[in-house]
Amino acid sequence: MAPDRVFGRTEKDYRRMEDILTPNGYHKIPENHGTVKNLNKDWKIMDIKSSTQKVLRSTLPFKMAPQRVITYSKTLGKHRNVSVTVQNT
């Protein structure tokens, strides 16, 4: 596959280098094999949490009815038991 070939070539180039002293040294090798996009130059990380708080409401404009959970369990064997429990949430 093409991505695997590119990764293998960049890995070989990194092994051949004796020392990498600057962050730009890490960017030069992949630039020989493909397109490199740098963080805060070519693209930015956005804060999704603060953006969604402006759009989404924390409280619902309507009341929800309480829910009930019904649990049914059955045990087999010498002492057969059947139990049903109801919980309000």
C-alpha atoms as a PDB file:
ATOM      1  CA  MET A   1       0.000   0.000   0.000  1.00  0.00           C
ATOM      2  CA  ALA A   2       1.184   3.506  -0.773  1.00  0.00           C
ATOM      3  CA  PRO A   3       0.973   4.880   2.814  1.00  0.00           C
ATOM      4  CA  ASP A   4       3.062   1.972   4.088  1.00  0.00           C
ATOM      5  CA  ARG A   5       5.733   2.615   1.463  1.00  0.00           C
ATOM      6  CA  VAL A   6       5.936   6.301   2.401  1.00  0.00           C
ATOM      7  CA  PHE A   7       6.146   5.439   6.100  1.00  0.00           C
ATOM      8  CA  GLY A   8       8.921   2.905   5.407  1.00  0.00           C
ATOM      9  CA  ARG A   9      10.930   5.410   3.397  1.00  0.00           C
ATOM     10  CA  THR A  10      10.667   8.124   6.038  1.00  0.00           C
ATOM     11  CA  GLU A  11      11.628   5.633   8.739  1.00  0.00           C
ATOM     12  CA  LYS A  12      14.762   4.669   6.797  1.00  0.00           C
ATOM     13  CA  ASP A  13      15.699   8.337   6.373  1.00  0.00           C
ATOM     14  CA  TYR A  14      15.306   8.965  10.106  1.00  0.00           C
ATOM     15  CA  ARG A  15      17.617   6.021  10.880  1.00  0.00           C
ATOM     16  CA  ARG A  16      20.290   7.368   8.528  1.00  0.00           C
ATOM     17  CA  MET A  17      20.411  10.743  10.282  1.00  0.00           C
ATOM     18  CA  GLU A  18      22.870  10.958  13.145  1.00  0.00           C
ATOM     19  CA  ASP A  19      21.328  13.820  15.127  1.00  0.00           C
ATOM     20  CA  ILE A  20      18.183  15.868  14.796  1.00  0.00           C
ATOM     21  CA  LEU A  21      18.723  19.103  16.693  1.00  0.00           C
ATOM     22  CA  THR A  22      15.673  21.198  15.819  1.00  0.00           C
ATOM     23  CA  PRO A  23      11.962  20.542  15.272  1.00  0.00           C
ATOM     24  CA  ASN A  24      12.437  21.589  11.646  1.00  0.00           C
ATOM     25  CA  GLY A  25      14.719  18.576  11.241  1.00  0.00           C
ATOM     26  CA  TYR A  26      11.728  16.339  11.912  1.00  0.00           C
ATOM     27  CA  HIS A  27       9.703  18.159   9.235  1.00  0.00           C
ATOM     28  CA  LYS A  28      12.319  18.012   6.464  1.00  0.00           C
ATOM     29  CA  ILE A  29      12.302  14.239   5.982  1.00  0.00           C
ATOM     30  CA  PRO A  30       8.523  13.752   5.551  1.00  0.00           C
ATOM     31  CA  GLU A  31       8.466  16.751   3.170  1.00  0.00           C
ATOM     32  CA  ASN A  32      10.674  14.710   0.821  1.00  0.00           C
ATOM     33  CA  HIS A  33       8.004  11.994   0.624  1.00  0.00           C
ATOM     34  CA  GLY A  34       4.682  13.847   0.843  1.00  0.00           C
ATOM     35  CA  THR A  35       2.753  16.887   2.017  1.00  0.00           C
ATOM     36  CA  VAL A  36       3.323  18.077   5.594  1.00  0.00           C
ATOM     37  CA  LYS A  37       0.898  20.385   7.383  1.00  0.00           C
ATOM     38  CA  ASN A  38       2.095  22.058  10.578  1.00  0.00           C
ATOM     39  CA  LEU A  39      -0.055  22.743  13.616  1.00  0.00           C
ATOM     40  CA  ASN A  40      -1.038  26.424  14.080  1.00  0.00           C
ATOM     41  CA  LYS A  41       0.342  27.280  10.625  1.00  0.00           C
ATOM     42  CA  ASP A  42      -1.751  25.214   8.233  1.00  0.00           C
ATOM     43  CA  TRP A  43      -4.580  24.196  10.571  1.00  0.00           C
ATOM     44  CA  LYS A  44      -5.865  25.014  14.056  1.00  0.00           C
ATOM     45  CA  ILE A  45      -7.373  23.072  16.924  1.00  0.00           C
ATOM     46  CA  MET A  46     -10.760  24.419  17.945  1.00  0.00           C
ATOM     47  CA  ASP A  47     -12.312  24.220  21.404  1.00  0.00           C
ATOM     48  CA  ILE A  48     -15.464  22.195  20.794  1.00  0.00           C
ATOM     49  CA  LYS A  49     -16.632  22.169  24.407  1.00  0.00           C
ATOM     50  CA  SER A  50     -16.988  25.945  24.705  1.00  0.00           C
ATOM     51  CA  SER A  51     -18.596  26.161  21.259  1.00  0.00           C
ATOM     52  CA  THR A  52     -21.244  23.569  22.080  1.00  0.00           C
ATOM     53  CA  GLN A  53     -22.131  25.231  25.385  1.00  0.00           C
ATOM     54  CA  LYS A  54     -23.299  28.280  23.446  1.00  0.00           C
ATOM     55  CA  VAL A  55     -25.504  26.181  21.170  1.00  0.00           C
ATOM     56  CA  LEU A  56     -26.799  23.384  23.398  1.00  0.00           C
ATOM     57  CA  ARG A  57     -29.002  23.972  26.394  1.00  0.00           C
ATOM     58  CA  SER A  58     -28.063  22.451  29.708  1.00  0.00           C
ATOM     59  CA  THR A  59     -31.692  22.170  30.845  1.00  0.00           C
ATOM     60  CA  LEU A  60     -34.540  20.828  28.783  1.00  0.00           C
ATOM     61  CA  PRO A  61     -37.551  23.074  28.184  1.00  0.00           C
ATOM     62  CA  PHE A  62     -39.919  20.250  29.174  1.00  0.00           C
ATOM     63  CA  LYS A  63     -40.231  17.799  32.051  1.00  0.00           C
ATOM     64  CA  MET A  64     -39.509  14.146  31.519  1.00  0.00           C
ATOM     65  CA  ALA A  65     -41.654  11.520  33.196  1.00  0.00           C
ATOM     66  CA  PRO A  66     -39.883   9.309  35.715  1.00  0.00           C
ATOM     67  CA  GLN A  67     -38.747   6.029  34.204  1.00  0.00           C
ATOM     68  CA  ARG A  68     -39.215   2.562  35.634  1.00  0.00           C
ATOM     69  CA  VAL A  69     -36.826  -0.353  35.285  1.00  0.00           C
ATOM     70  CA  ILE A  70     -38.270  -3.831  35.579  1.00  0.00           C
ATOM     71  CA  THR A  71     -35.777  -6.611  36.262  1.00  0.00           C
ATOM     72  CA  TYR A  72     -36.679 -10.261  35.800  1.00  0.00           C
ATOM     73  CA  SER A  73     -34.360 -13.012  37.001  1.00  0.00           C
ATOM     74  CA  LYS A  74     -34.801 -16.743  37.078  1.00  0.00           C
ATOM     75  CA  THR A  75     -32.606 -19.375  38.719  1.00  0.00           C
ATOM     76  CA  LEU A  76     -32.758 -23.014  37.764  1.00  0.00           C
ATOM     77  CA  GLY A  77     -31.669 -26.020  39.703  1.00  0.00           C
ATOM     78  CA  LYS A  78     -32.796 -27.590  42.940  1.00  0.00           C
ATOM     79  CA  HIS A  79     -34.390 -24.382  44.251  1.00  0.00           C
ATOM     80  CA  ARG A  80     -36.152 -22.614  41.422  1.00  0.00           C
ATOM     81  CA  ASN A  81     -36.563 -18.914  42.021  1.00  0.00           C
ATOM     82  CA  VAL A  82     -38.208 -16.231  39.966  1.00  0.00           C
ATOM     83  CA  SER A  83     -37.883 -12.639  41.070  1.00  0.00           C
ATOM     84  CA  VAL A  84     -39.235  -9.430  39.579  1.00  0.00           C
ATOM     85  CA  THR A  85     -38.091  -6.048  40.847  1.00  0.00           C
ATOM     86  CA  VAL A  86     -39.253  -2.577  39.879  1.00  0.00           C
ATOM     87  CA  GLN A  87     -37.100   0.524  40.348  1.00  0.00           C
ATOM     88  CA  ASN A  88     -37.982   4.150  39.727  1.00  0.00           C
ATOM     89  CA  THR A  89     -35.208   6.236  38.191  1.00  0.00           C
END
